[in-house]
Every structure is written in C-alpha cells, then in structure tokens.
Amino acid sequence: MPARPRYRPIELQYLFGHFWTEATIQEFWAGKSFLRPDDGQPLSYELARLLVSLLDKDYEMLAGFCRLAQREDGGEQAARAVLGAGLQELAAVVLGAGTWAPQPAAWAEGTQKGQF
C-alpha cells in the first residue's frame, strides 16, 4: 500500500506560494533547505519530487542531467546542457513566475536578513 501523501495538492499549492521566495529557493539550490527544522524541510522534498517528476518520463534525459549536475551551481549548467533550459524555467513550471534561478554567489553570504 503506498504511503499517504503528507500534503493534499491544494495544501501544497498554498504552502509553496507562502514558503518559496527568492531567498528560500537559494537554500533549495544550495541543498540547505533539506536540513531546516521547520516545514521548509518537507517542502524541499516535495519541490524536489515535483521537479524530478517533470523529467522522469525520459529516463535518459534525467540520467544525463544527474550525471552532469554539479553542486557548485545547483545543476544549472547540466540543466542547460541536457534540458535546453535553465532551472529557472523548470522551477517556474511548479512554482509559477518568479526569480527562481540558482545564484551561487548568494549561497556563501547566507546571513543577511531574509536569506538563509
């Protein structure tokens, strides 16, 4: 029997709309949001699940992306090379319009108000 989803789709839509911002998406690309002690952790896994589900219909494409993805840029170069689009565009499919592109320069800072 499959596990019961943590959130219903309407709840997930609401939570994504309130949680994901220009600052929190940088936590996601850097991998730090998966370690949050609050709802950011499960929301990170949900976002990752949905992003992967956009690619899982084409195993070779997904595998190619995974082979090339680098932590330093959150997978941006791999996305451009394999998917023909950046992670900004991929994230916009799930999160809607916004500033979602990885910004590795912001990851080292991470201590300013509103950032991680």
PDB file of N, CA and C in Angstrom:
ATOM      1  N   MET A   1       0.839  -1.168   0.000  1.00  0.00           N
ATOM      2  CA  MET A   1       0.000   0.000   0.000  1.00  0.00           C
ATOM      3  C   MET A   1       0.897   1.249   0.000  1.00  0.00           C
ATOM      4  N   PRO A   2       0.690   2.185  -0.937  1.00  0.00           N
ATOM      5  CA  PRO A   2       1.515   3.388  -0.976  1.00  0.00           C
ATOM      6  C   PRO A   2       1.272   4.276   0.239  1.00  0.00           C
ATOM      7  N   ALA A   3       2.322   4.980   0.609  1.00  0.00           N
ATOM      8  CA  ALA A   3       2.216   5.885   1.750  1.00  0.00           C
ATOM      9  C   ALA A   3       1.267   7.035   1.437  1.00  0.00           C
ATOM     10  N   ARG A   4       0.578   7.484   2.460  1.00  0.00           N
ATOM     11  CA  ARG A   4      -0.328   8.630   2.315  1.00  0.00           C
ATOM     12  C   ARG A   4       0.505   9.885   2.105  1.00  0.00           C
ATOM     13  N   PRO A   5       0.177  10.701   1.113  1.00  0.00           N
ATOM     14  CA  PRO A   5       0.933  11.937   0.895  1.00  0.00           C
ATOM     15  C   PRO A   5       0.862  12.847   2.119  1.00  0.00           C
ATOM     16  N   ARG A   6       1.940  13.544   2.375  1.00  0.00           N
ATOM     17  CA  ARG A   6       1.998  14.447   3.536  1.00  0.00           C
ATOM     18  C   ARG A   6       1.021  15.608   3.376  1.00  0.00           C
ATOM     19  N   TYR A   7       0.909  16.115   2.148  1.00  0.00           N
ATOM     20  CA  TYR A   7       0.049  17.269   1.870  1.00  0.00           C
ATOM     21  C   TYR A   7      -0.915  16.933   0.743  1.00  0.00           C
ATOM     22  N   ARG A   8      -2.099  17.492   0.825  1.00  0.00           N
ATOM     23  CA  ARG A   8      -3.027  17.417  -0.301  1.00  0.00           C
ATOM     24  C   ARG A   8      -2.576  18.459  -1.320  1.00  0.00           C
ATOM     25  N   PRO A   9      -2.905  18.288  -2.599  1.00  0.00           N
ATOM     26  CA  PRO A   9      -2.453  19.241  -3.623  1.00  0.00           C
ATOM     27  C   PRO A   9      -2.806  20.694  -3.314  1.00  0.00           C
ATOM     28  N   ILE A  10      -3.991  20.943  -2.809  1.00  0.00           N
ATOM     29  CA  ILE A  10      -4.394  22.319  -2.504  1.00  0.00           C
ATOM     30  C   ILE A  10      -3.554  22.892  -1.364  1.00  0.00           C
ATOM     31  N   GLU A  11      -3.213  22.047  -0.381  1.00  0.00           N
ATOM     32  CA  GLU A  11      -2.346  22.484   0.717  1.00  0.00           C
ATOM     33  C   GLU A  11      -0.939  22.787   0.213  1.00  0.00           C
ATOM     34  N   LEU A  12      -0.444  21.914  -0.639  1.00  0.00           N
ATOM     35  CA  LEU A  12       0.891  22.092  -1.188  1.00  0.00           C
ATOM     36  C   LEU A  12       0.978  23.378  -2.005  1.00  0.00           C
ATOM     37  N   GLN A  13      -0.034  23.639  -2.786  1.00  0.00           N
ATOM     38  CA  GLN A  13      -0.070  24.874  -3.574  1.00  0.00           C
ATOM     39  C   GLN A  13      -0.021  26.092  -2.652  1.00  0.00           C
ATOM     40  N   TYR A  14      -0.796  26.074  -1.608  1.00  0.00           N
ATOM     41  CA  TYR A  14      -0.823  27.181  -0.645  1.00  0.00           C
ATOM     42  C   TYR A  14       0.538  27.336   0.036  1.00  0.00           C
ATOM     43  N   LEU A  15       1.080  26.238   0.539  1.00  0.00           N
ATOM     44  CA  LEU A  15       2.352  26.290   1.252  1.00  0.00           C
ATOM     45  C   LEU A  15       3.494  26.727   0.345  1.00  0.00           C
ATOM     46  N   PHE A  16       3.520  26.211  -0.885  1.00  0.00           N
ATOM     47  CA  PHE A  16       4.555  26.634  -1.836  1.00  0.00           C
ATOM     48  C   PHE A  16       4.467  28.137  -2.072  1.00  0.00           C
ATOM     49  N   GLY A  17       3.259  28.634  -2.250  1.00  0.00           N
ATOM     50  CA  GLY A  17       3.067  30.055  -2.512  1.00  0.00           C
ATOM     51  C   GLY A  17       3.530  30.944  -1.373  1.00  0.00           C
ATOM     52  N   HIS A  18       3.501  30.431  -0.167  1.00  0.00           N
ATOM     53  CA  HIS A  18       3.910  31.213   1.000  1.00  0.00           C
ATOM     54  C   HIS A  18       5.356  30.960   1.421  1.00  0.00           C
ATOM     55  N   PHE A  19       5.885  29.806   1.094  1.00  0.00           N
ATOM     56  CA  PHE A  19       7.238  29.480   1.552  1.00  0.00           C
ATOM     57  C   PHE A  19       8.321  29.863   0.551  1.00  0.00           C
ATOM     58  N   TRP A  20       8.123  29.531  -0.718  1.00  0.00           N
ATOM     59  CA  TRP A  20       9.187  29.724  -1.698  1.00  0.00           C
ATOM     60  C   TRP A  20       9.267  31.178  -2.127  1.00  0.00           C
ATOM     61  N   THR A  21      10.433  31.752  -1.875  1.00  0.00           N
ATOM     62  CA  THR A  21      10.736  33.133  -2.221  1.00  0.00           C
ATOM     63  C   THR A  21      12.093  33.155  -2.917  1.00  0.00           C
ATOM     64  N   GLU A  22      12.537  34.343  -3.314  1.00  0.00           N
ATOM     65  CA  GLU A  22      13.871  34.467  -3.912  1.00  0.00           C
ATOM     66  C   GLU A  22      14.949  33.974  -2.957  1.00  0.00           C
ATOM     67  N   ALA A  23      14.762  34.187  -1.662  1.00  0.00           N
ATOM     68  CA  ALA A  23      15.756  33.754  -0.674  1.00  0.00           C
ATOM     69  C   ALA A  23      15.673  32.256  -0.403  1.00  0.00           C
ATOM     70  N   THR A  24      14.472  31.737  -0.178  1.00  0.00           N
ATOM     71  CA  THR A  24      14.369  30.320   0.181  1.00  0.00           C
ATOM     72  C   THR A  24      14.705  29.402  -0.984  1.00  0.00           C
ATOM     73  N   ILE A  25      14.484  29.851  -2.217  1.00  0.00           N
ATOM     74  CA  ILE A  25      14.846  28.992  -3.350  1.00  0.00           C
ATOM     75  C   ILE A  25      16.359  28.832  -3.429  1.00  0.00           C
ATOM     76  N   GLN A  26      17.095  29.837  -2.963  1.00  0.00           N
ATOM     77  CA  GLN A  26      18.555  29.716  -2.946  1.00  0.00           C
ATOM     78  C   GLN A  26      18.996  28.663  -1.928  1.00  0.00           C
ATOM     79  N   GLU A  27      18.280  28.573  -0.828  1.00  0.00           N
ATOM     80  CA  GLU A  27      18.539  27.499   0.141  1.00  0.00           C
ATOM     81  C   GLU A  27      18.336  26.148  -0.525  1.00  0.00           C
ATOM     82  N   PHE A  28      17.280  26.050  -1.329  1.00  0.00           N
ATOM     83  CA  PHE A  28      16.972  24.799  -2.019  1.00  0.00           C
ATOM     84  C   PHE A  28      18.102  24.412  -2.964  1.00  0.00           C
ATOM     85  N   TRP A  29      18.501  25.336  -3.839  1.00  0.00           N
ATOM     86  CA  TRP A  29      19.549  25.015  -4.818  1.00  0.00           C
ATOM     87  C   TRP A  29      20.862  24.679  -4.122  1.00  0.00           C
ATOM     88  N   ALA A  30      21.134  25.302  -2.989  1.00  0.00           N
ATOM     89  CA  ALA A  30      22.362  25.031  -2.238  1.00  0.00           C
ATOM     90  C   ALA A  30      22.266  23.739  -1.423  1.00  0.00           C
ATOM     91  N   GLY A  31      21.062  23.190  -1.288  1.00  0.00           N
ATOM     92  CA  GLY A  31      20.856  21.963  -0.523  1.00  0.00           C
ATOM     93  C   GLY A  31      20.600  22.195   0.958  1.00  0.00           C
ATOM     94  N   LYS A  32      20.609  23.440   1.385  1.00  0.00           N
ATOM     95  CA  LYS A  32      20.459  23.751   2.811  1.00  0.00           C
ATOM     96  C   LYS A  32      19.023  23.641   3.304  1.00  0.00           C
ATOM     97  N   SER A  33      18.057  23.812   2.420  1.00  0.00           N
ATOM     98  CA  SER A  33      16.661  23.779   2.871  1.00  0.00           C
ATOM     99  C   SER A  33      16.227  22.380   3.307  1.00  0.00           C
ATOM    100  N   PHE A  34      16.966  21.354   2.865  1.00  0.00           N
ATOM    101  CA  PHE A  34      16.640  19.985   3.252  1.00  0.00           C
ATOM    102  C   PHE A  34      16.997  19.712   4.715  1.00  0.00           C
ATOM    103  N   LEU A  35      17.729  20.629   5.323  1.00  0.00           N
ATOM    104  CA  LEU A  35      18.157  20.476   6.711  1.00  0.00           C
ATOM    105  C   LEU A  35      17.392  21.377   7.673  1.00  0.00           C
ATOM    106  N   ARG A  36      16.423  22.108   7.169  1.00  0.00           N
ATOM    107  CA  ARG A  36      15.667  23.031   8.023  1.00  0.00           C
ATOM    108  C   ARG A  36      14.884  22.255   9.081  1.00  0.00           C
ATOM    109  N   PRO A  37      14.716  22.836  10.267  1.00  0.00           N
ATOM    110  CA  PRO A  37      13.949  22.174  11.328  1.00  0.00           C
ATOM    111  C   PRO A  37      12.446  22.461  11.255  1.00  0.00           C
ATOM    112  N   ASP A  38      12.023  23.230  10.252  1.00  0.00           N
ATOM    113  CA  ASP A  38      10.621  23.617  10.143  1.00  0.00           C
ATOM    114  C   ASP A  38       9.999  22.985   8.897  1.00  0.00           C
ATOM    115  N   ASP A  39       8.863  23.509   8.457  1.00  0.00           N
ATOM    116  CA  ASP A  39       8.191  22.962   7.273  1.00  0.00           C
ATOM    117  C   ASP A  39       9.012  23.107   6.002  1.00  0.00           C
ATOM    118  N   GLY A  40      10.070  23.895   6.041  1.00  0.00           N
ATOM    119  CA  GLY A  40      10.927  24.026   4.867  1.00  0.00           C
ATOM    120  C   GLY A  40      11.549  22.711   4.443  1.00  0.00           C
ATOM    121  N   GLN A  41      11.810  21.833   5.399  1.00  0.00           N
ATOM    122  CA  GLN A  41      12.396  20.541   5.049  1.00  0.00           C
ATOM    123  C   GLN A  41      11.439  19.693   4.202  1.00  0.00           C
ATOM    124  N   PRO A  42      10.230  19.380   4.676  1.00  0.00           N
ATOM    125  CA  PRO A  42       9.351  18.581   3.822  1.00  0.00           C
ATOM    126  C   PRO A  42       8.960  19.306   2.531  1.00  0.00           C
ATOM    127  N   LEU A  43       8.864  20.634   2.577  1.00  0.00           N
ATOM    128  CA  LEU A  43       8.544  21.358   1.349  1.00  0.00           C
ATOM    129  C   LEU A  43       9.684  21.272   0.345  1.00  0.00           C
ATOM    130  N   SER A  44      10.908  21.148   0.818  1.00  0.00           N
ATOM    131  CA  SER A  44      12.053  20.957  -0.074  1.00  0.00           C
ATOM    132  C   SER A  44      11.965  19.606  -0.774  1.00  0.00           C
ATOM    133  N   TYR A  45      11.627  18.578  -0.011  1.00  0.00           N
ATOM    134  CA  TYR A  45      11.489  17.249  -0.615  1.00  0.00           C
ATOM    135  C   TYR A  45      10.325  17.213  -1.595  1.00  0.00           C
ATOM    136  N   GLU A  46       9.248  17.897  -1.267  1.00  0.00           N
ATOM    137  CA  GLU A  46       8.103  17.949  -2.186  1.00  0.00           C
ATOM    138  C   GLU A  46       8.476  18.673  -3.475  1.00  0.00           C
ATOM    139  N   LEU A  47       9.188  19.793  -3.356  1.00  0.00           N
ATOM    140  CA  LEU A  47       9.604  20.512  -4.557  1.00  0.00           C
ATOM    141  C   LEU A  47      10.540  19.654  -5.389  1.00  0.00           C
ATOM    142  N   ALA A  48      11.500  19.003  -4.744  1.00  0.00           N
ATOM    143  CA  ALA A  48      12.420  18.125  -5.469  1.00  0.00           C
ATOM    144  C   ALA A  48      11.654  17.006  -6.178  1.00  0.00           C
ATOM    145  N   ARG A  49      10.698  16.426  -5.491  1.00  0.00           N
ATOM    146  CA  ARG A  49       9.894  15.347  -6.088  1.00  0.00           C
ATOM    147  C   ARG A  49       9.162  15.839  -7.331  1.00  0.00           C
ATOM    148  N   LEU A  50       8.574  17.021  -7.242  1.00  0.00           N
ATOM    149  CA  LEU A  50       7.828  17.554  -8.378  1.00  0.00           C
ATOM    150  C   LEU A  50       8.749  17.930  -9.536  1.00  0.00           C
ATOM    151  N   LEU A  51       9.914  18.477  -9.235  1.00  0.00           N
ATOM    152  CA  LEU A  51      10.856  18.817 -10.297  1.00  0.00           C
ATOM    153  C   LEU A  51      11.358  17.567 -11.009  1.00  0.00           C
ATOM    154  N   VAL A  52      11.673  16.532 -10.247  1.00  0.00           N
ATOM    155  CA  VAL A  52      12.119  15.279 -10.860  1.00  0.00           C
ATOM    156  C   VAL A  52      10.995  14.654 -11.669  1.00  0.00           C
ATOM    157  N   SER A  53       9.763  14.774 -11.194  1.00  0.00           N
ATOM    158  CA  SER A  53       8.634  14.183 -11.926  1.00  0.00           C
ATOM    159  C   SER A  53       8.449  14.823 -13.308  1.00  0.00           C
ATOM    160  N   LEU A  54       8.935  16.058 -13.471  1.00  0.00           N
ATOM    161  CA  LEU A  54       8.869  16.685 -14.792  1.00  0.00           C
ATOM    162  C   LEU A  54       9.819  16.015 -15.774  1.00  0.00           C
ATOM    163  N   LEU A  55      10.819  15.348 -15.251  1.00  0.00           N
ATOM    164  CA  LEU A  55      11.847  14.734 -16.095  1.00  0.00           C
ATOM    165  C   LEU A  55      11.779  13.219 -16.146  1.00  0.00           C
ATOM    166  N   ASP A  56      11.029  12.600 -15.265  1.00  0.00           N
ATOM    167  CA  ASP A  56      11.107  11.148 -15.146  1.00  0.00           C
ATOM    168  C   ASP A  56      10.413  10.373 -16.275  1.00  0.00           C
ATOM    169  N   LYS A  57       9.778  11.079 -17.177  1.00  0.00           N
ATOM    170  CA  LYS A  57       9.180  10.385 -18.328  1.00  0.00           C
ATOM    171  C   LYS A  57      10.250  10.022 -19.353  1.00  0.00           C
ATOM    172  N   ASP A  58      11.400  10.697 -19.265  1.00  0.00           N
ATOM    173  CA  ASP A  58      12.519  10.449 -20.176  1.00  0.00           C
ATOM    174  C   ASP A  58      13.732  10.091 -19.324  1.00  0.00           C
ATOM    175  N   TYR A  59      13.902   8.793 -19.094  1.00  0.00           N
ATOM    176  CA  TYR A  59      14.958   8.330 -18.211  1.00  0.00           C
ATOM    177  C   TYR A  59      16.336   8.789 -18.670  1.00  0.00           C
ATOM    178  N   GLU A  60      16.602   8.737 -19.955  1.00  0.00           N
ATOM    179  CA  GLU A  60      17.923   9.124 -20.459  1.00  0.00           C
ATOM    180  C   GLU A  60      18.204  10.599 -20.180  1.00  0.00           C
ATOM    181  N   MET A  61      17.205  11.437 -20.332  1.00  0.00           N
ATOM    182  CA  MET A  61      17.385  12.860 -20.048  1.00  0.00           C
ATOM    183  C   MET A  61      17.653  13.065 -18.551  1.00  0.00           C
ATOM    184  N   LEU A  62      16.862  12.420 -17.714  1.00  0.00           N
ATOM    185  CA  LEU A  62      17.041  12.539 -16.269  1.00  0.00           C
ATOM    186  C   LEU A  62      18.418  12.016 -15.860  1.00  0.00           C
ATOM    187  N   ALA A  63      18.802  10.878 -16.390  1.00  0.00           N
ATOM    188  CA  ALA A  63      20.109  10.305 -16.060  1.00  0.00           C
ATOM    189  C   ALA A  63      21.236  11.218 -16.532  1.00  0.00           C
ATOM    190  N   GLY A  64      21.093  11.794 -17.716  1.00  0.00           N
ATOM    191  CA  GLY A  64      22.101  12.720 -18.223  1.00  0.00           C
ATOM    192  C   GLY A  64      22.230  13.946 -17.348  1.00  0.00           C
ATOM    193  N   PHE A  65      21.113  14.477 -16.915  1.00  0.00           N
ATOM    194  CA  PHE A  65      21.132  15.622 -16.013  1.00  0.00           C
ATOM    195  C   PHE A  65      21.839  15.244 -14.713  1.00  0.00           C
ATOM    196  N   CYS A  66      21.492  14.114 -14.134  1.00  0.00           N
ATOM    197  CA  CYS A  66      22.092  13.689 -12.867  1.00  0.00           C
ATOM    198  C   CYS A  66      23.596  13.465 -13.004  1.00  0.00           C
ATOM    199  N   ARG A  67      24.030  12.919 -14.136  1.00  0.00           N
ATOM    200  CA  ARG A  67      25.459  12.690 -14.354  1.00  0.00           C
ATOM    201  C   ARG A  67      26.241  13.998 -14.404  1.00  0.00           C
ATOM    202  N   LEU A  68      25.653  15.029 -15.008  1.00  0.00           N
ATOM    203  CA  LEU A  68      26.363  16.286 -15.211  1.00  0.00           C
ATOM    204  C   LEU A  68      26.178  17.309 -14.089  1.00  0.00           C
ATOM    205  N   ALA A  69      25.155  17.161 -13.292  1.00  0.00           N
ATOM    206  CA  ALA A  69      24.843  18.167 -12.271  1.00  0.00           C
ATOM    207  C   ALA A  69      25.992  18.342 -11.285  1.00  0.00           C
ATOM    208  N   GLN A  70      26.285  19.601 -10.991  1.00  0.00           N
ATOM    209  CA  GLN A  70      27.355  19.955 -10.052  1.00  0.00           C
ATOM    210  C   GLN A  70      26.767  20.762  -8.900  1.00  0.00           C
ATOM    211  N   ARG A  71      27.224  20.477  -7.720  1.00  0.00           N
ATOM    212  CA  ARG A  71      26.752  21.169  -6.528  1.00  0.00           C
ATOM    213  C   ARG A  71      27.034  22.673  -6.598  1.00  0.00           C
ATOM    214  N   GLU A  72      28.176  23.037  -7.169  1.00  0.00           N
ATOM    215  CA  GLU A  72      28.616  24.428  -7.187  1.00  0.00           C
ATOM    216  C   GLU A  72      27.627  25.382  -7.846  1.00  0.00           C
ATOM    217  N   ASP A  73      26.869  24.889  -8.806  1.00  0.00           N
ATOM    218  CA  ASP A  73      25.904  25.772  -9.483  1.00  0.00           C
ATOM    219  C   ASP A  73      24.470  25.268  -9.339  1.00  0.00           C
ATOM    220  N   GLY A  74      24.251  24.307  -8.462  1.00  0.00           N
ATOM    221  CA  GLY A  74      22.914  23.777  -8.228  1.00  0.00           C
ATOM    222  C   GLY A  74      22.370  22.956  -9.385  1.00  0.00           C
ATOM    223  N   GLY A  75      23.224  22.637 -10.349  1.00  0.00           N
ATOM    224  CA  GLY A  75      22.784  21.875 -11.513  1.00  0.00           C
ATOM    225  C   GLY A  75      22.423  22.732 -12.717  1.00  0.00           C
ATOM    226  N   GLU A  76      22.683  24.031 -12.630  1.00  0.00           N
ATOM    227  CA  GLU A  76      22.281  24.954 -13.699  1.00  0.00           C
ATOM    228  C   GLU A  76      22.909  24.606 -15.050  1.00  0.00           C
ATOM    229  N   GLN A  77      24.216  24.386 -15.092  1.00  0.00           N
ATOM    230  CA  GLN A  77      24.875  24.070 -16.361  1.00  0.00           C
ATOM    231  C   GLN A  77      24.379  22.744 -16.919  1.00  0.00           C
ATOM    232  N   ALA A  78      24.156  21.776 -16.072  1.00  0.00           N
ATOM    233  CA  ALA A  78      23.631  20.485 -16.514  1.00  0.00           C
ATOM    234  C   ALA A  78      22.237  20.655 -17.104  1.00  0.00           C
ATOM    235  N   ALA A  79      21.424  21.470 -16.476  1.00  0.00           N
ATOM    236  CA  ALA A  79      20.067  21.713 -16.992  1.00  0.00           C
ATOM    237  C   ALA A  79      20.138  22.336 -18.375  1.00  0.00           C
ATOM    238  N   ARG A  80      20.983  23.326 -18.531  1.00  0.00           N
ATOM    239  CA  ARG A  80      21.101  23.988 -19.834  1.00  0.00           C
ATOM    240  C   ARG A  80      21.620  23.026 -20.898  1.00  0.00           C
ATOM    241  N   ALA A  81      22.584  22.196 -20.532  1.00  0.00           N
ATOM    242  CA  ALA A  81      23.173  21.262 -21.493  1.00  0.00           C
ATOM    243  C   ALA A  81      22.204  20.144 -21.880  1.00  0.00           C
ATOM    244  N   VAL A  82      21.520  19.582 -20.904  1.00  0.00           N
ATOM    245  CA  VAL A  82      20.688  18.400 -21.149  1.00  0.00           C
ATOM    246  C   VAL A  82      19.239  18.762 -21.471  1.00  0.00           C
ATOM    247  N   LEU A  83      18.692  19.726 -20.734  1.00  0.00           N
ATOM    248  CA  LEU A  83      17.278  20.064 -20.904  1.00  0.00           C
ATOM    249  C   LEU A  83      17.055  21.173 -21.914  1.00  0.00           C
ATOM    250  N   GLY A  84      18.108  21.924 -22.212  1.00  0.00           N
ATOM    251  CA  GLY A  84      17.980  23.045 -23.132  1.00  0.00           C
ATOM    252  C   GLY A  84      17.324  24.262 -22.494  1.00  0.00           C
ATOM    253  N   ALA A  85      17.244  24.271 -21.178  1.00  0.00           N
ATOM    254  CA  ALA A  85      16.666  25.388 -20.425  1.00  0.00           C
ATOM    255  C   ALA A  85      17.289  25.383 -19.047  1.00  0.00           C
ATOM    256  N   GLY A  86      17.232  26.524 -18.386  1.00  0.00           N
ATOM    257  CA  GLY A  86      17.797  26.622 -17.048  1.00  0.00           C
ATOM    258  C   GLY A  86      16.816  26.171 -15.980  1.00  0.00           C
ATOM    259  N   LEU A  87      17.309  26.086 -14.775  1.00  0.00           N
ATOM    260  CA  LEU A  87      16.481  25.674 -13.641  1.00  0.00           C
ATOM    261  C   LEU A  87      15.401  26.695 -13.318  1.00  0.00           C
ATOM    262  N   GLN A  88      15.623  27.949 -13.686  1.00  0.00           N
ATOM    263  CA  GLN A  88      14.594  28.994 -13.543  1.00  0.00           C
ATOM    264  C   GLN A  88      13.308  28.545 -14.246  1.00  0.00           C
ATOM    265  N   GLU A  89      13.462  28.089 -15.473  1.00  0.00           N
ATOM    266  CA  GLU A  89      12.304  27.667 -16.270  1.00  0.00           C
ATOM    267  C   GLU A  89      11.660  26.407 -15.698  1.00  0.00           C
ATOM    268  N   LEU A  90      12.490  25.481 -15.255  1.00  0.00           N
ATOM    269  CA  LEU A  90      11.954  24.246 -14.674  1.00  0.00           C
ATOM    270  C   LEU A  90      11.174  24.550 -13.396  1.00  0.00           C
ATOM    271  N   ALA A  91      11.749  25.359 -12.529  1.00  0.00           N
ATOM    272  CA  ALA A  91      11.076  25.710 -11.274  1.00  0.00           C
ATOM    273  C   ALA A  91       9.781  26.476 -11.529  1.00  0.00           C
ATOM    274  N   ALA A  92       9.765  27.305 -12.562  1.00  0.00           N
ATOM    275  CA  ALA A  92       8.559  28.091 -12.869  1.00  0.00           C
ATOM    276  C   ALA A  92       7.383  27.200 -13.241  1.00  0.00           C
ATOM    277  N   VAL A  93       7.648  26.014 -13.775  1.00  0.00           N
ATOM    278  CA  VAL A  93       6.557  25.091 -14.096  1.00  0.00           C
ATOM    279  C   VAL A  93       5.827  24.687 -12.824  1.00  0.00           C
ATOM    280  N   VAL A  94       6.566  24.516 -11.740  1.00  0.00           N
ATOM    281  CA  VAL A  94       5.978  24.089 -10.466  1.00  0.00           C
ATOM    282  C   VAL A  94       5.547  25.275  -9.616  1.00  0.00           C
ATOM    283  N   LEU A  95       6.382  26.316  -9.556  1.00  0.00           N
ATOM    284  CA  LEU A  95       6.147  27.420  -8.630  1.00  0.00           C
ATOM    285  C   LEU A  95       5.469  28.632  -9.253  1.00  0.00           C
ATOM    286  N   GLY A  96       5.376  28.660 -10.569  1.00  0.00           N
ATOM    287  CA  GLY A  96       4.830  29.827 -11.244  1.00  0.00           C
ATOM    288  C   GLY A  96       5.931  30.844 -11.497  1.00  0.00           C
ATOM    289  N   ALA A  97       5.552  31.978 -12.019  1.00  0.00           N
ATOM    290  CA  ALA A  97       6.530  33.010 -12.355  1.00  0.00           C
ATOM    291  C   ALA A  97       7.250  33.481 -11.096  1.00  0.00           C
ATOM    292  N   GLY A  98       8.526  33.759 -11.256  1.00  0.00           N
ATOM    293  CA  GLY A  98       9.313  34.240 -10.124  1.00  0.00           C
ATOM    294  C   GLY A  98      10.783  34.225 -10.461  1.00  0.00           C
ATOM    295  N   THR A  99      11.585  34.645  -9.523  1.00  0.00           N
ATOM    296  CA  THR A  99      13.035  34.639  -9.689  1.00  0.00           C
ATOM    297  C   THR A  99      13.564  33.381  -9.017  1.00  0.00           C
ATOM    298  N   TRP A 100      13.679  32.314  -9.796  1.00  0.00           N
ATOM    299  CA  TRP A 100      13.992  31.004  -9.240  1.00  0.00           C
ATOM    300  C   TRP A 100      15.378  30.490  -9.615  1.00  0.00           C
ATOM    301  N   ALA A 101      16.121  31.206 -10.432  1.00  0.00           N
ATOM    302  CA  ALA A 101      17.416  30.705 -10.901  1.00  0.00           C
ATOM    303  C   ALA A 101      18.407  30.577  -9.756  1.00  0.00           C
ATOM    304  N   PRO A 102      19.240  29.543  -9.793  1.00  0.00           N
ATOM    305  CA  PRO A 102      20.292  29.434  -8.781  1.00  0.00           C
ATOM    306  C   PRO A 102      21.238  30.632  -8.859  1.00  0.00           C
ATOM    307  N   GLN A 103      21.626  31.138  -7.712  1.00  0.00           N
ATOM    308  CA  GLN A 103      22.571  32.258  -7.615  1.00  0.00           C
ATOM    309  C   GLN A 103      23.661  31.861  -6.622  1.00  0.00           C
ATOM    310  N   PRO A 104      24.623  31.065  -7.072  1.00  0.00           N
ATOM    311  CA  PRO A 104      25.651  30.542  -6.162  1.00  0.00           C
ATOM    312  C   PRO A 104      26.384  31.608  -5.356  1.00  0.00           C
ATOM    313  N   ALA A 105      26.534  32.804  -5.875  1.00  0.00           N
ATOM    314  CA  ALA A 105      27.218  33.861  -5.124  1.00  0.00           C
ATOM    315  C   ALA A 105      26.476  34.183  -3.823  1.00  0.00           C
ATOM    316  N   ALA A 106      25.165  34.009  -3.806  1.00  0.00           N
ATOM    317  CA  ALA A 106      24.370  34.301  -2.610  1.00  0.00           C
ATOM    318  C   ALA A 106      24.500  33.202  -1.559  1.00  0.00           C
ATOM    319  N   TRP A 107      24.926  32.023  -1.953  1.00  0.00           N
ATOM    320  CA  TRP A 107      24.977  30.901  -1.023  1.00  0.00           C
ATOM    321  C   TRP A 107      26.036  31.097   0.040  1.00  0.00           C
ATOM    322  N   ALA A 108      27.133  31.702  -0.298  1.00  0.00           N
ATOM    323  CA  ALA A 108      28.212  31.903   0.670  1.00  0.00           C
ATOM    324  C   ALA A 108      27.824  32.976   1.687  1.00  0.00           C
ATOM    325  N   GLU A 109      27.055  33.970   1.244  1.00  0.00           N
ATOM    326  CA  GLU A 109      26.633  35.035   2.156  1.00  0.00           C
ATOM    327  C   GLU A 109      25.700  34.445   3.184  1.00  0.00           C
ATOM    328  N   GLY A 110      24.478  34.164   2.780  1.00  0.00           N
ATOM    329  CA  GLY A 110      23.522  33.427   3.558  1.00  0.00           C
ATOM    330  C   GLY A 110      23.211  33.895   4.973  1.00  0.00           C
ATOM    331  N   THR A 111      23.659  35.075   5.345  1.00  0.00           N
ATOM    332  CA  THR A 111      23.389  35.507   6.706  1.00  0.00           C
ATOM    333  C   THR A 111      22.598  36.811   6.749  1.00  0.00           C
ATOM    334  N   GLN A 112      22.315  37.382   5.606  1.00  0.00           N
ATOM    335  CA  GLN A 112      21.563  38.626   5.572  1.00  0.00           C
ATOM    336  C   GLN A 112      20.101  38.367   5.910  1.00  0.00           C
ATOM    337  N   LYS A 113      19.443  39.382   6.435  1.00  0.00           N
ATOM    338  CA  LYS A 113      18.028  39.253   6.764  1.00  0.00           C
ATOM    339  C   LYS A 113      17.242  38.817   5.532  1.00  0.00           C
ATOM    340  N   GLY A 114      16.371  37.842   5.701  1.00  0.00           N
ATOM    341  CA  GLY A 114      15.560  37.349   4.599  1.00  0.00           C
ATOM    342  C   GLY A 114      16.242  36.251   3.814  1.00  0.00           C
ATOM    343  N   GLN A 115      17.494  35.974   4.140  1.00  0.00           N
ATOM    344  CA  GLN A 115      18.193  34.888   3.492  1.00  0.00           C
ATOM    345  C   GLN A 115      18.411  33.792   4.511  1.00  0.00           C
ATOM    346  N   PHE A 116      19.017  32.753   4.101  1.00  0.00           N
ATOM    347  CA  PHE A 116      19.277  31.637   4.993  1.00  0.00           C
ATOM    348  C   PHE A 116      20.583  31.877   5.678  1.00  0.00           C
TER     349      PHE A 116
END
